[in-house]
Amino acid sequence: MTGIFLKDGEEQEKYIEPALGGLATIDQALRGKKFFGGEKIGYTDLVLGWIPYWLPVVEEVSGVKLFDPHRFPSLSTWAQNFMDLPLINQNLPPRDEFLRILHQTRETYKS
């Protein structure tokens, strides 16, 4: 994801297929489960919990759309379940501020 976030054009494109492959692997691991460990949130959910919050912002900043709910239905359902948890959604930073910081980070890196 870092290459997609920090690069442009052809440099950026070489990171897209590996990223999609990673999302496909995660989607497959979630098939038939609410969370990675089953019905309750666990360590793996927390480790990959950046996906439903960070990924849409990274997509917006980088101009690359990776996450398609139809291509990754299990991941999409998991993301919604994860974000619906009060423990998670009540402790996220404001999206506008996060978006501003990622725009600034990308521009700083590129300059």
PDB file of N, CA and C in Angstrom:
ATOM      1  N   MET A   1       0.814  -1.202   0.000  1.00  0.00           N
ATOM      2  CA  MET A   1       0.000   0.000   0.000  1.00  0.00           C
ATOM      3  C   MET A   1       0.857   1.265   0.000  1.00  0.00           C
ATOM      4  N   THR A   2       2.042   1.167   0.582  1.00  0.00           N
ATOM      5  CA  THR A   2       2.910   2.335   0.652  1.00  0.00           C
ATOM      6  C   THR A   2       3.286   2.829  -0.742  1.00  0.00           C
ATOM      7  N   GLY A   3       3.614   1.895  -1.644  1.00  0.00           N
ATOM      8  CA  GLY A   3       3.958   2.279  -3.013  1.00  0.00           C
ATOM      9  C   GLY A   3       2.807   2.954  -3.722  1.00  0.00           C
ATOM     10  N   ILE A   4       1.601   2.492  -3.485  1.00  0.00           N
ATOM     11  CA  ILE A   4       0.419   3.108  -4.091  1.00  0.00           C
ATOM     12  C   ILE A   4       0.216   4.498  -3.516  1.00  0.00           C
ATOM     13  N   PHE A   5       0.415   4.626  -2.232  1.00  0.00           N
ATOM     14  CA  PHE A   5       0.208   5.905  -1.558  1.00  0.00           C
ATOM     15  C   PHE A   5       1.246   6.952  -1.950  1.00  0.00           C
ATOM     16  N   LEU A   6       2.497   6.548  -2.092  1.00  0.00           N
ATOM     17  CA  LEU A   6       3.575   7.514  -2.284  1.00  0.00           C
ATOM     18  C   LEU A   6       4.007   7.723  -3.732  1.00  0.00           C
ATOM     19  N   LYS A   7       3.613   6.842  -4.624  1.00  0.00           N
ATOM     20  CA  LYS A   7       4.066   6.931  -6.026  1.00  0.00           C
ATOM     21  C   LYS A   7       2.943   7.412  -6.934  1.00  0.00           C
ATOM     22  N   ASP A   8       3.321   7.675  -8.200  1.00  0.00           N
ATOM     23  CA  ASP A   8       2.365   8.080  -9.227  1.00  0.00           C
ATOM     24  C   ASP A   8       2.647   7.303 -10.506  1.00  0.00           C
ATOM     25  N   GLY A   9       1.658   7.266 -11.391  1.00  0.00           N
ATOM     26  CA  GLY A   9       1.833   6.725 -12.732  1.00  0.00           C
ATOM     27  C   GLY A   9       2.302   5.285 -12.765  1.00  0.00           C
ATOM     28  N   GLU A  10       3.272   5.012 -13.643  1.00  0.00           N
ATOM     29  CA  GLU A  10       3.775   3.656 -13.822  1.00  0.00           C
ATOM     30  C   GLU A  10       4.405   3.100 -12.545  1.00  0.00           C
ATOM     31  N   GLU A  11       5.071   3.960 -11.795  1.00  0.00           N
ATOM     32  CA  GLU A  11       5.667   3.527 -10.524  1.00  0.00           C
ATOM     33  C   GLU A  11       4.578   2.998  -9.591  1.00  0.00           C
ATOM     34  N   GLN A  12       3.472   3.683  -9.562  1.00  0.00           N
ATOM     35  CA  GLN A  12       2.355   3.316  -8.702  1.00  0.00           C
ATOM     36  C   GLN A  12       1.683   2.028  -9.182  1.00  0.00           C
ATOM     37  N   GLU A  13       1.559   1.889 -10.500  1.00  0.00           N
ATOM     38  CA  GLU A  13       0.845   0.753 -11.078  1.00  0.00           C
ATOM     39  C   GLU A  13       1.446  -0.597 -10.706  1.00  0.00           C
ATOM     40  N   LYS A  14       2.760  -0.661 -10.519  1.00  0.00           N
ATOM     41  CA  LYS A  14       3.382  -1.951 -10.210  1.00  0.00           C
ATOM     42  C   LYS A  14       3.022  -2.474  -8.824  1.00  0.00           C
ATOM     43  N   TYR A  15       2.439  -1.626  -8.000  1.00  0.00           N
ATOM     44  CA  TYR A  15       2.034  -2.034  -6.652  1.00  0.00           C
ATOM     45  C   TYR A  15       0.566  -2.473  -6.582  1.00  0.00           C
ATOM     46  N   ILE A  16      -0.192  -2.219  -7.624  1.00  0.00           N
ATOM     47  CA  ILE A  16      -1.635  -2.475  -7.579  1.00  0.00           C
ATOM     48  C   ILE A  16      -1.953  -3.968  -7.531  1.00  0.00           C
ATOM     49  N   GLU A  17      -1.399  -4.764  -8.419  1.00  0.00           N
ATOM     50  CA  GLU A  17      -1.709  -6.200  -8.430  1.00  0.00           C
ATOM     51  C   GLU A  17      -1.317  -6.895  -7.125  1.00  0.00           C
ATOM     52  N   PRO A  18      -0.116  -6.629  -6.589  1.00  0.00           N
ATOM     53  CA  PRO A  18       0.201  -7.238  -5.291  1.00  0.00           C
ATOM     54  C   PRO A  18      -0.778  -6.823  -4.183  1.00  0.00           C
ATOM     55  N   ALA A  19      -1.209  -5.574  -4.200  1.00  0.00           N
ATOM     56  CA  ALA A  19      -2.171  -5.114  -3.193  1.00  0.00           C
ATOM     57  C   ALA A  19      -3.503  -5.837  -3.355  1.00  0.00           C
ATOM     58  N   LEU A  20      -3.956  -5.978  -4.586  1.00  0.00           N
ATOM     59  CA  LEU A  20      -5.207  -6.703  -4.833  1.00  0.00           C
ATOM     60  C   LEU A  20      -5.077  -8.162  -4.422  1.00  0.00           C
ATOM     61  N   GLY A  21      -3.914  -8.745  -4.657  1.00  0.00           N
ATOM     62  CA  GLY A  21      -3.676 -10.122  -4.226  1.00  0.00           C
ATOM     63  C   GLY A  21      -3.754 -10.253  -2.714  1.00  0.00           C
ATOM     64  N   GLY A  22      -3.211  -9.278  -2.010  1.00  0.00           N
ATOM     65  CA  GLY A  22      -3.291  -9.281  -0.549  1.00  0.00           C
ATOM     66  C   GLY A  22      -4.721  -9.166  -0.062  1.00  0.00           C
ATOM     67  N   LEU A  23      -5.480  -8.284  -0.692  1.00  0.00           N
ATOM     68  CA  LEU A  23      -6.895  -8.147  -0.317  1.00  0.00           C
ATOM     69  C   LEU A  23      -7.662  -9.428  -0.607  1.00  0.00           C
ATOM     70  N   ALA A  24      -7.330 -10.099  -1.705  1.00  0.00           N
ATOM     71  CA  ALA A  24      -7.994 -11.369  -2.044  1.00  0.00           C
ATOM     72  C   ALA A  24      -7.672 -12.439  -1.000  1.00  0.00           C
ATOM     73  N   THR A  25      -6.440 -12.470  -0.537  1.00  0.00           N
ATOM     74  CA  THR A  25      -6.040 -13.432   0.500  1.00  0.00           C
ATOM     75  C   THR A  25      -6.810 -13.184   1.789  1.00  0.00           C
ATOM     76  N   ILE A  26      -6.927 -11.922   2.163  1.00  0.00           N
ATOM     77  CA  ILE A  26      -7.676 -11.567   3.368  1.00  0.00           C
ATOM     78  C   ILE A  26      -9.142 -11.927   3.198  1.00  0.00           C
ATOM     79  N   ASP A  27      -9.706 -11.621   2.025  1.00  0.00           N
ATOM     80  CA  ASP A  27     -11.107 -11.949   1.756  1.00  0.00           C
ATOM     81  C   ASP A  27     -11.346 -13.448   1.903  1.00  0.00           C
ATOM     82  N   GLN A  28     -10.452 -14.239   1.363  1.00  0.00           N
ATOM     83  CA  GLN A  28     -10.592 -15.697   1.438  1.00  0.00           C
ATOM     84  C   GLN A  28     -10.532 -16.190   2.888  1.00  0.00           C
ATOM     85  N   ALA A  29      -9.646 -15.586   3.683  1.00  0.00           N
ATOM     86  CA  ALA A  29      -9.513 -15.990   5.089  1.00  0.00           C
ATOM     87  C   ALA A  29     -10.772 -15.682   5.896  1.00  0.00           C
ATOM     88  N   LEU A  30     -11.558 -14.734   5.429  1.00  0.00           N
ATOM     89  CA  LEU A  30     -12.764 -14.320   6.151  1.00  0.00           C
ATOM     90  C   LEU A  30     -14.036 -15.045   5.712  1.00  0.00           C
ATOM     91  N   ARG A  31     -13.966 -15.835   4.685  1.00  0.00           N
ATOM     92  CA  ARG A  31     -15.182 -16.482   4.162  1.00  0.00           C
ATOM     93  C   ARG A  31     -15.906 -17.267   5.252  1.00  0.00           C
ATOM     94  N   GLY A  32     -17.179 -16.932   5.416  1.00  0.00           N
ATOM     95  CA  GLY A  32     -18.025 -17.634   6.369  1.00  0.00           C
ATOM     96  C   GLY A  32     -17.838 -17.198   7.811  1.00  0.00           C
ATOM     97  N   LYS A  33     -17.076 -16.132   8.045  1.00  0.00           N
ATOM     98  CA  LYS A  33     -16.827 -15.677   9.414  1.00  0.00           C
ATOM     99  C   LYS A  33     -17.212 -14.209   9.578  1.00  0.00           C
ATOM    100  N   LYS A  34     -17.627 -13.870  10.761  1.00  0.00           N
ATOM    101  CA  LYS A  34     -17.910 -12.475  11.078  1.00  0.00           C
ATOM    102  C   LYS A  34     -16.605 -11.726  11.327  1.00  0.00           C
ATOM    103  N   PHE A  35     -15.730 -12.343  12.095  1.00  0.00           N
ATOM    104  CA  PHE A  35     -14.398 -11.806  12.379  1.00  0.00           C
ATOM    105  C   PHE A  35     -13.389 -12.918  12.094  1.00  0.00           C
ATOM    106  N   PHE A  36     -12.124 -12.608  12.114  1.00  0.00           N
ATOM    107  CA  PHE A  36     -11.119 -13.607  11.760  1.00  0.00           C
ATOM    108  C   PHE A  36     -11.180 -14.839  12.650  1.00  0.00           C
ATOM    109  N   GLY A  37     -11.474 -14.637  13.925  1.00  0.00           N
ATOM    110  CA  GLY A  37     -11.535 -15.766  14.841  1.00  0.00           C
ATOM    111  C   GLY A  37     -12.913 -16.370  14.982  1.00  0.00           C
ATOM    112  N   GLY A  38     -13.883 -15.849  14.284  1.00  0.00           N
ATOM    113  CA  GLY A  38     -15.247 -16.359  14.384  1.00  0.00           C
ATOM    114  C   GLY A  38     -16.228 -15.253  14.710  1.00  0.00           C
ATOM    115  N   GLU A  39     -16.903 -15.389  15.821  1.00  0.00           N
ATOM    116  CA  GLU A  39     -17.959 -14.438  16.192  1.00  0.00           C
ATOM    117  C   GLU A  39     -17.475 -13.248  17.017  1.00  0.00           C
ATOM    118  N   LYS A  40     -16.259 -13.329  17.553  1.00  0.00           N
ATOM    119  CA  LYS A  40     -15.745 -12.256  18.410  1.00  0.00           C
ATOM    120  C   LYS A  40     -14.499 -11.638  17.800  1.00  0.00           C
ATOM    121  N   ILE A  41     -14.342 -10.346  18.038  1.00  0.00           N
ATOM    122  CA  ILE A  41     -13.168  -9.638  17.567  1.00  0.00           C
ATOM    123  C   ILE A  41     -11.926 -10.182  18.280  1.00  0.00           C
ATOM    124  N   GLY A  42     -10.838 -10.261  17.536  1.00  0.00           N
ATOM    125  CA  GLY A  42      -9.596 -10.774  18.097  1.00  0.00           C
ATOM    126  C   GLY A  42      -8.395  -9.988  17.600  1.00  0.00           C
ATOM    127  N   TYR A  43      -7.228 -10.519  17.879  1.00  0.00           N
ATOM    128  CA  TYR A  43      -5.968  -9.854  17.556  1.00  0.00           C
ATOM    129  C   TYR A  43      -5.832  -9.564  16.059  1.00  0.00           C
ATOM    130  N   THR A  44      -6.138 -10.528  15.211  1.00  0.00           N
ATOM    131  CA  THR A  44      -6.000 -10.330  13.767  1.00  0.00           C
ATOM    132  C   THR A  44      -6.921  -9.222  13.282  1.00  0.00           C
ATOM    133  N   ASP A  45      -8.104  -9.138  13.839  1.00  0.00           N
ATOM    134  CA  ASP A  45      -9.027  -8.059  13.472  1.00  0.00           C
ATOM    135  C   ASP A  45      -8.420  -6.703  13.810  1.00  0.00           C
ATOM    136  N   LEU A  46      -7.793  -6.620  14.959  1.00  0.00           N
ATOM    137  CA  LEU A  46      -7.179  -5.356  15.360  1.00  0.00           C
ATOM    138  C   LEU A  46      -5.977  -5.012  14.484  1.00  0.00           C
ATOM    139  N   VAL A  47      -5.181  -6.020  14.138  1.00  0.00           N
ATOM    140  CA  VAL A  47      -4.012  -5.783  13.290  1.00  0.00           C
ATOM    141  C   VAL A  47      -4.441  -5.298  11.909  1.00  0.00           C
ATOM    142  N   LEU A  48      -5.492  -5.872  11.349  1.00  0.00           N
ATOM    143  CA  LEU A  48      -5.947  -5.488  10.015  1.00  0.00           C
ATOM    144  C   LEU A  48      -7.056  -4.437  10.051  1.00  0.00           C
ATOM    145  N   GLY A  49      -7.334  -3.929  11.218  1.00  0.00           N
ATOM    146  CA  GLY A  49      -8.399  -2.946  11.383  1.00  0.00           C
ATOM    147  C   GLY A  49      -8.151  -1.621  10.694  1.00  0.00           C
ATOM    148  N   TRP A  50      -6.945  -1.393  10.195  1.00  0.00           N
ATOM    149  CA  TRP A  50      -6.667  -0.174   9.436  1.00  0.00           C
ATOM    150  C   TRP A  50      -7.403  -0.184   8.098  1.00  0.00           C
ATOM    151  N   ILE A  51      -7.689  -1.365   7.571  1.00  0.00           N
ATOM    152  CA  ILE A  51      -8.249  -1.466   6.218  1.00  0.00           C
ATOM    153  C   ILE A  51      -9.546  -0.672   6.051  1.00  0.00           C
ATOM    154  N   PRO A  52     -10.563  -0.854   6.888  1.00  0.00           N
ATOM    155  CA  PRO A  52     -11.811  -0.140   6.622  1.00  0.00           C
ATOM    156  C   PRO A  52     -11.738   1.365   6.856  1.00  0.00           C
ATOM    157  N   TYR A  53     -10.763   1.833   7.623  1.00  0.00           N
ATOM    158  CA  TYR A  53     -10.673   3.275   7.873  1.00  0.00           C
ATOM    159  C   TYR A  53      -9.618   3.930   6.991  1.00  0.00           C
ATOM    160  N   TRP A  54      -8.446   3.350   6.943  1.00  0.00           N
ATOM    161  CA  TRP A  54      -7.338   3.931   6.181  1.00  0.00           C
ATOM    162  C   TRP A  54      -7.496   3.771   4.676  1.00  0.00           C
ATOM    163  N   LEU A  55      -7.872   2.582   4.243  1.00  0.00           N
ATOM    164  CA  LEU A  55      -7.862   2.294   2.810  1.00  0.00           C
ATOM    165  C   LEU A  55      -8.704   3.274   1.995  1.00  0.00           C
ATOM    166  N   PRO A  56      -9.930   3.603   2.380  1.00  0.00           N
ATOM    167  CA  PRO A  56     -10.686   4.576   1.586  1.00  0.00           C
ATOM    168  C   PRO A  56      -9.993   5.942   1.505  1.00  0.00           C
ATOM    169  N   VAL A  57      -9.319   6.338   2.566  1.00  0.00           N
ATOM    170  CA  VAL A  57      -8.612   7.625   2.561  1.00  0.00           C
ATOM    171  C   VAL A  57      -7.377   7.535   1.666  1.00  0.00           C
ATOM    172  N   VAL A  58      -6.639   6.436   1.754  1.00  0.00           N
ATOM    173  CA  VAL A  58      -5.476   6.231   0.885  1.00  0.00           C
ATOM    174  C   VAL A  58      -5.922   6.210  -0.575  1.00  0.00           C
ATOM    175  N   GLU A  59      -7.043   5.563  -0.862  1.00  0.00           N
ATOM    176  CA  GLU A  59      -7.570   5.546  -2.226  1.00  0.00           C
ATOM    177  C   GLU A  59      -7.873   6.959  -2.699  1.00  0.00           C
ATOM    178  N   GLU A  60      -8.492   7.738  -1.869  1.00  0.00           N
ATOM    179  CA  GLU A  60      -8.834   9.115  -2.245  1.00  0.00           C
ATOM    180  C   GLU A  60      -7.592   9.958  -2.495  1.00  0.00           C
ATOM    181  N   VAL A  61      -6.617   9.850  -1.620  1.00  0.00           N
ATOM    182  CA  VAL A  61      -5.399  10.654  -1.738  1.00  0.00           C
ATOM    183  C   VAL A  61      -4.559  10.220  -2.943  1.00  0.00           C
ATOM    184  N   SER A  62      -4.467   8.912  -3.163  1.00  0.00           N
ATOM    185  CA  SER A  62      -3.611   8.387  -4.232  1.00  0.00           C
ATOM    186  C   SER A  62      -4.294   8.352  -5.596  1.00  0.00           C
ATOM    187  N   GLY A  63      -5.628   8.395  -5.607  1.00  0.00           N
ATOM    188  CA  GLY A  63      -6.360   8.313  -6.858  1.00  0.00           C
ATOM    189  C   GLY A  63      -6.475   6.902  -7.398  1.00  0.00           C
ATOM    190  N   VAL A  64      -6.209   5.896  -6.571  1.00  0.00           N
ATOM    191  CA  VAL A  64      -6.276   4.496  -6.994  1.00  0.00           C
ATOM    192  C   VAL A  64      -7.363   3.794  -6.188  1.00  0.00           C
ATOM    193  N   LYS A  65      -8.330   3.224  -6.897  1.00  0.00           N
ATOM    194  CA  LYS A  65      -9.405   2.475  -6.251  1.00  0.00           C
ATOM    195  C   LYS A  65      -9.014   1.005  -6.209  1.00  0.00           C
ATOM    196  N   LEU A  66      -8.886   0.455  -5.022  1.00  0.00           N
ATOM    197  CA  LEU A  66      -8.511  -0.939  -4.838  1.00  0.00           C
ATOM    198  C   LEU A  66      -9.662  -1.790  -4.326  1.00  0.00           C
ATOM    199  N   PHE A  67     -10.384  -1.241  -3.390  1.00  0.00           N
ATOM    200  CA  PHE A  67     -11.378  -2.040  -2.682  1.00  0.00           C
ATOM    201  C   PHE A  67     -12.727  -1.992  -3.394  1.00  0.00           C
ATOM    202  N   ASP A  68     -13.141  -3.146  -3.878  1.00  0.00           N
ATOM    203  CA  ASP A  68     -14.437  -3.307  -4.520  1.00  0.00           C
ATOM    204  C   ASP A  68     -15.219  -4.337  -3.707  1.00  0.00           C
ATOM    205  N   PRO A  69     -16.325  -3.935  -3.081  1.00  0.00           N
ATOM    206  CA  PRO A  69     -17.091  -4.859  -2.248  1.00  0.00           C
ATOM    207  C   PRO A  69     -17.593  -6.089  -3.004  1.00  0.00           C
ATOM    208  N   HIS A  70     -17.801  -5.957  -4.304  1.00  0.00           N
ATOM    209  CA  HIS A  70     -18.256  -7.115  -5.085  1.00  0.00           C
ATOM    210  C   HIS A  70     -17.113  -8.102  -5.321  1.00  0.00           C
ATOM    211  N   ARG A  71     -15.916  -7.599  -5.456  1.00  0.00           N
ATOM    212  CA  ARG A  71     -14.748  -8.465  -5.650  1.00  0.00           C
ATOM    213  C   ARG A  71     -14.304  -9.097  -4.336  1.00  0.00           C
ATOM    214  N   PHE A  72     -14.520  -8.382  -3.238  1.00  0.00           N
ATOM    215  CA  PHE A  72     -14.094  -8.838  -1.915  1.00  0.00           C
ATOM    216  C   PHE A  72     -15.272  -8.817  -0.944  1.00  0.00           C
ATOM    217  N   PRO A  73     -16.280  -9.661  -1.160  1.00  0.00           N
ATOM    218  CA  PRO A  73     -17.498  -9.589  -0.341  1.00  0.00           C
ATOM    219  C   PRO A  73     -17.281  -9.932   1.127  1.00  0.00           C
ATOM    220  N   SER A  74     -16.429 -10.895   1.423  1.00  0.00           N
ATOM    221  CA  SER A  74     -16.202 -11.263   2.827  1.00  0.00           C
ATOM    222  C   SER A  74     -15.455 -10.158   3.556  1.00  0.00           C
ATOM    223  N   LEU A  75     -14.496  -9.566   2.886  1.00  0.00           N
ATOM    224  CA  LEU A  75     -13.749  -8.448   3.464  1.00  0.00           C
ATOM    225  C   LEU A  75     -14.663  -7.252   3.677  1.00  0.00           C
ATOM    226  N   SER A  76     -15.550  -7.028   2.744  1.00  0.00           N
ATOM    227  CA  SER A  76     -16.505  -5.926   2.859  1.00  0.00           C
ATOM    228  C   SER A  76     -17.429  -6.111   4.063  1.00  0.00           C
ATOM    229  N   THR A  77     -17.948  -7.318   4.240  1.00  0.00           N
ATOM    230  CA  THR A  77     -18.816  -7.605   5.385  1.00  0.00           C
ATOM    231  C   THR A  77     -18.045  -7.466   6.685  1.00  0.00           C
ATOM    232  N   TRP A  78     -16.830  -8.000   6.711  1.00  0.00           N
ATOM    233  CA  TRP A  78     -15.992  -7.878   7.911  1.00  0.00           C
ATOM    234  C   TRP A  78     -15.737  -6.403   8.235  1.00  0.00           C
ATOM    235  N   ALA A  79     -15.413  -5.608   7.212  1.00  0.00           N
ATOM    236  CA  ALA A  79     -15.124  -4.186   7.431  1.00  0.00           C
ATOM    237  C   ALA A  79     -16.316  -3.494   8.078  1.00  0.00           C
ATOM    238  N   GLN A  80     -17.517  -3.804   7.600  1.00  0.00           N
ATOM    239  CA  GLN A  80     -18.713  -3.200   8.187  1.00  0.00           C
ATOM    240  C   GLN A  80     -18.908  -3.672   9.628  1.00  0.00           C
ATOM    241  N   ASN A  81     -18.747  -4.968   9.865  1.00  0.00           N
ATOM    242  CA  ASN A  81     -18.861  -5.497  11.230  1.00  0.00           C
ATOM    243  C   ASN A  81     -17.840  -4.842  12.155  1.00  0.00           C
ATOM    244  N   PHE A  82     -16.624  -4.700  11.676  1.00  0.00           N
ATOM    245  CA  PHE A  82     -15.556  -4.108  12.471  1.00  0.00           C
ATOM    246  C   PHE A  82     -15.861  -2.643  12.787  1.00  0.00           C
ATOM    247  N   MET A  83     -16.246  -1.886  11.780  1.00  0.00           N
ATOM    248  CA  MET A  83     -16.519  -0.461  11.979  1.00  0.00           C
ATOM    249  C   MET A  83     -17.780  -0.218  12.804  1.00  0.00           C
ATOM    250  N   ASP A  84     -18.664  -1.187  12.866  1.00  0.00           N
ATOM    251  CA  ASP A  84     -19.887  -1.055  13.667  1.00  0.00           C
ATOM    252  C   ASP A  84     -19.640  -1.236  15.168  1.00  0.00           C
ATOM    253  N   LEU A  85     -18.477  -1.748  15.521  1.00  0.00           N
ATOM    254  CA  LEU A  85     -18.170  -1.943  16.942  1.00  0.00           C
ATOM    255  C   LEU A  85     -17.966  -0.590  17.627  1.00  0.00           C
ATOM    256  N   PRO A  86     -18.699  -0.306  18.708  1.00  0.00           N
ATOM    257  CA  PRO A  86     -18.509   0.971  19.403  1.00  0.00           C
ATOM    258  C   PRO A  86     -17.063   1.204  19.832  1.00  0.00           C
ATOM    259  N   LEU A  87     -16.382   0.164  20.272  1.00  0.00           N
ATOM    260  CA  LEU A  87     -14.988   0.288  20.677  1.00  0.00           C
ATOM    261  C   LEU A  87     -14.140   0.865  19.550  1.00  0.00           C
ATOM    262  N   ILE A  88     -14.467   0.531  18.333  1.00  0.00           N
ATOM    263  CA  ILE A  88     -13.718   1.004  17.168  1.00  0.00           C
ATOM    264  C   ILE A  88     -14.225   2.363  16.710  1.00  0.00           C
ATOM    265  N   ASN A  89     -15.490   2.450  16.360  1.00  0.00           N
ATOM    266  CA  ASN A  89     -15.980   3.672  15.719  1.00  0.00           C
ATOM    267  C   ASN A  89     -16.005   4.892  16.628  1.00  0.00           C
ATOM    268  N   GLN A  90     -15.993   4.698  17.924  1.00  0.00           N
ATOM    269  CA  GLN A  90     -15.974   5.843  18.836  1.00  0.00           C
ATOM    270  C   GLN A  90     -14.556   6.330  19.139  1.00  0.00           C
ATOM    271  N   ASN A  91     -13.563   5.632  18.619  1.00  0.00           N
ATOM    272  CA  ASN A  91     -12.179   5.989  18.924  1.00  0.00           C
ATOM    273  C   ASN A  91     -11.345   6.301  17.684  1.00  0.00           C
ATOM    274  N   LEU A  92     -11.994   6.552  16.579  1.00  0.00           N
ATOM    275  CA  LEU A  92     -11.283   6.888  15.352  1.00  0.00           C
ATOM    276  C   LEU A  92     -11.059   8.395  15.273  1.00  0.00           C
ATOM    277  N   PRO A  93      -9.958   8.798  14.677  1.00  0.00           N
ATOM    278  CA  PRO A  93      -9.741  10.238  14.494  1.00  0.00           C
ATOM    279  C   PRO A  93     -10.731  10.789  13.470  1.00  0.00           C
ATOM    280  N   PRO A  94     -11.002  12.083  13.501  1.00  0.00           N
ATOM    281  CA  PRO A  94     -11.916  12.673  12.522  1.00  0.00           C
ATOM    282  C   PRO A  94     -11.381  12.456  11.098  1.00  0.00           C
ATOM    283  N   ARG A  95     -12.248  12.031  10.199  1.00  0.00           N
ATOM    284  CA  ARG A  95     -11.840  11.705   8.835  1.00  0.00           C
ATOM    285  C   ARG A  95     -11.235  12.911   8.113  1.00  0.00           C
ATOM    286  N   ASP A  96     -11.822  14.074   8.265  1.00  0.00           N
ATOM    287  CA  ASP A  96     -11.309  15.278   7.594  1.00  0.00           C
ATOM    288  C   ASP A  96      -9.863  15.560   7.981  1.00  0.00           C
ATOM    289  N   GLU A  97      -9.573  15.436   9.254  1.00  0.00           N
ATOM    290  CA  GLU A  97      -8.218  15.672   9.740  1.00  0.00           C
ATOM    291  C   GLU A  97      -7.271  14.591   9.221  1.00  0.00           C
ATOM    292  N   PHE A  98      -7.721  13.358   9.222  1.00  0.00           N
ATOM    293  CA  PHE A  98      -6.908  12.260   8.725  1.00  0.00           C
ATOM    294  C   PHE A  98      -6.604  12.444   7.239  1.00  0.00           C
ATOM    295  N   LEU A  99      -7.606  12.836   6.479  1.00  0.00           N
ATOM    296  CA  LEU A  99      -7.436  13.091   5.053  1.00  0.00           C
ATOM    297  C   LEU A  99      -6.423  14.211   4.829  1.00  0.00           C
ATOM    298  N   ARG A 100      -6.527  15.279   5.589  1.00  0.00           N
ATOM    299  CA  ARG A 100      -5.588  16.399   5.476  1.00  0.00           C
ATOM    300  C   ARG A 100      -4.160  15.942   5.755  1.00  0.00           C
ATOM    301  N   ILE A 101      -3.991  15.155   6.802  1.00  0.00           N
ATOM    302  CA  ILE A 101      -2.649  14.676   7.181  1.00  0.00           C
ATOM    303  C   ILE A 101      -2.071  13.777   6.085  1.00  0.00           C
ATOM    304  N   LEU A 102      -2.883  12.898   5.522  1.00  0.00           N
ATOM    305  CA  LEU A 102      -2.366  12.022   4.467  1.00  0.00           C
ATOM    306  C   LEU A 102      -2.038  12.794   3.195  1.00  0.00           C
ATOM    307  N   HIS A 103      -2.834  13.785   2.849  1.00  0.00           N
ATOM    308  CA  HIS A 103      -2.486  14.646   1.704  1.00  0.00           C
ATOM    309  C   HIS A 103      -1.141  15.334   1.959  1.00  0.00           C
ATOM    310  N   GLN A 104      -0.993  15.873   3.140  1.00  0.00           N
ATOM    311  CA  GLN A 104       0.235  16.580   3.501  1.00  0.00           C
ATOM    312  C   GLN A 104       1.425  15.619   3.497  1.00  0.00           C
ATOM    313  N   THR A 105       1.257  14.438   4.039  1.00  0.00           N
ATOM    314  CA  THR A 105       2.334  13.443   4.067  1.00  0.00           C
ATOM    315  C   THR A 105       2.764  13.060   2.671  1.00  0.00           C
ATOM    316  N   ARG A 106       1.813  12.832   1.792  1.00  0.00           N
ATOM    317  CA  ARG A 106       2.133  12.456   0.409  1.00  0.00           C
ATOM    318  C   ARG A 106       2.862  13.591  -0.309  1.00  0.00           C
ATOM    319  N   GLU A 107       2.410  14.798  -0.139  1.00  0.00           N
ATOM    320  CA  GLU A 107       3.059  15.932  -0.787  1.00  0.00           C
ATOM    321  C   GLU A 107       4.471  16.155  -0.237  1.00  0.00           C
ATOM    322  N   THR A 108       4.641  16.000   1.054  1.00  0.00           N
ATOM    323  CA  THR A 108       5.964  16.150   1.663  1.00  0.00           C
ATOM    324  C   THR A 108       6.911  15.102   1.122  1.00  0.00           C
ATOM    325  N   TYR A 109       6.477  13.874   1.001  1.00  0.00           N
ATOM    326  CA  TYR A 109       7.296  12.802   0.483  1.00  0.00           C
ATOM    327  C   TYR A 109       7.699  13.065  -0.967  1.00  0.00           C
ATOM    328  N   LYS A 110       6.753  13.518  -1.761  1.00  0.00           N
ATOM    329  CA  LYS A 110       6.995  13.737  -3.180  1.00  0.00           C
ATOM    330  C   LYS A 110       7.887  14.934  -3.461  1.00  0.00           C
ATOM    331  N   SER A 111       7.991  15.865  -2.519  1.00  0.00           N
ATOM    332  CA  SER A 111       8.799  17.076  -2.762  1.00  0.00           C
ATOM    333  C   SER A 111      10.175  16.969  -2.218  1.00  0.00           C
TER     334      SER A 111
END
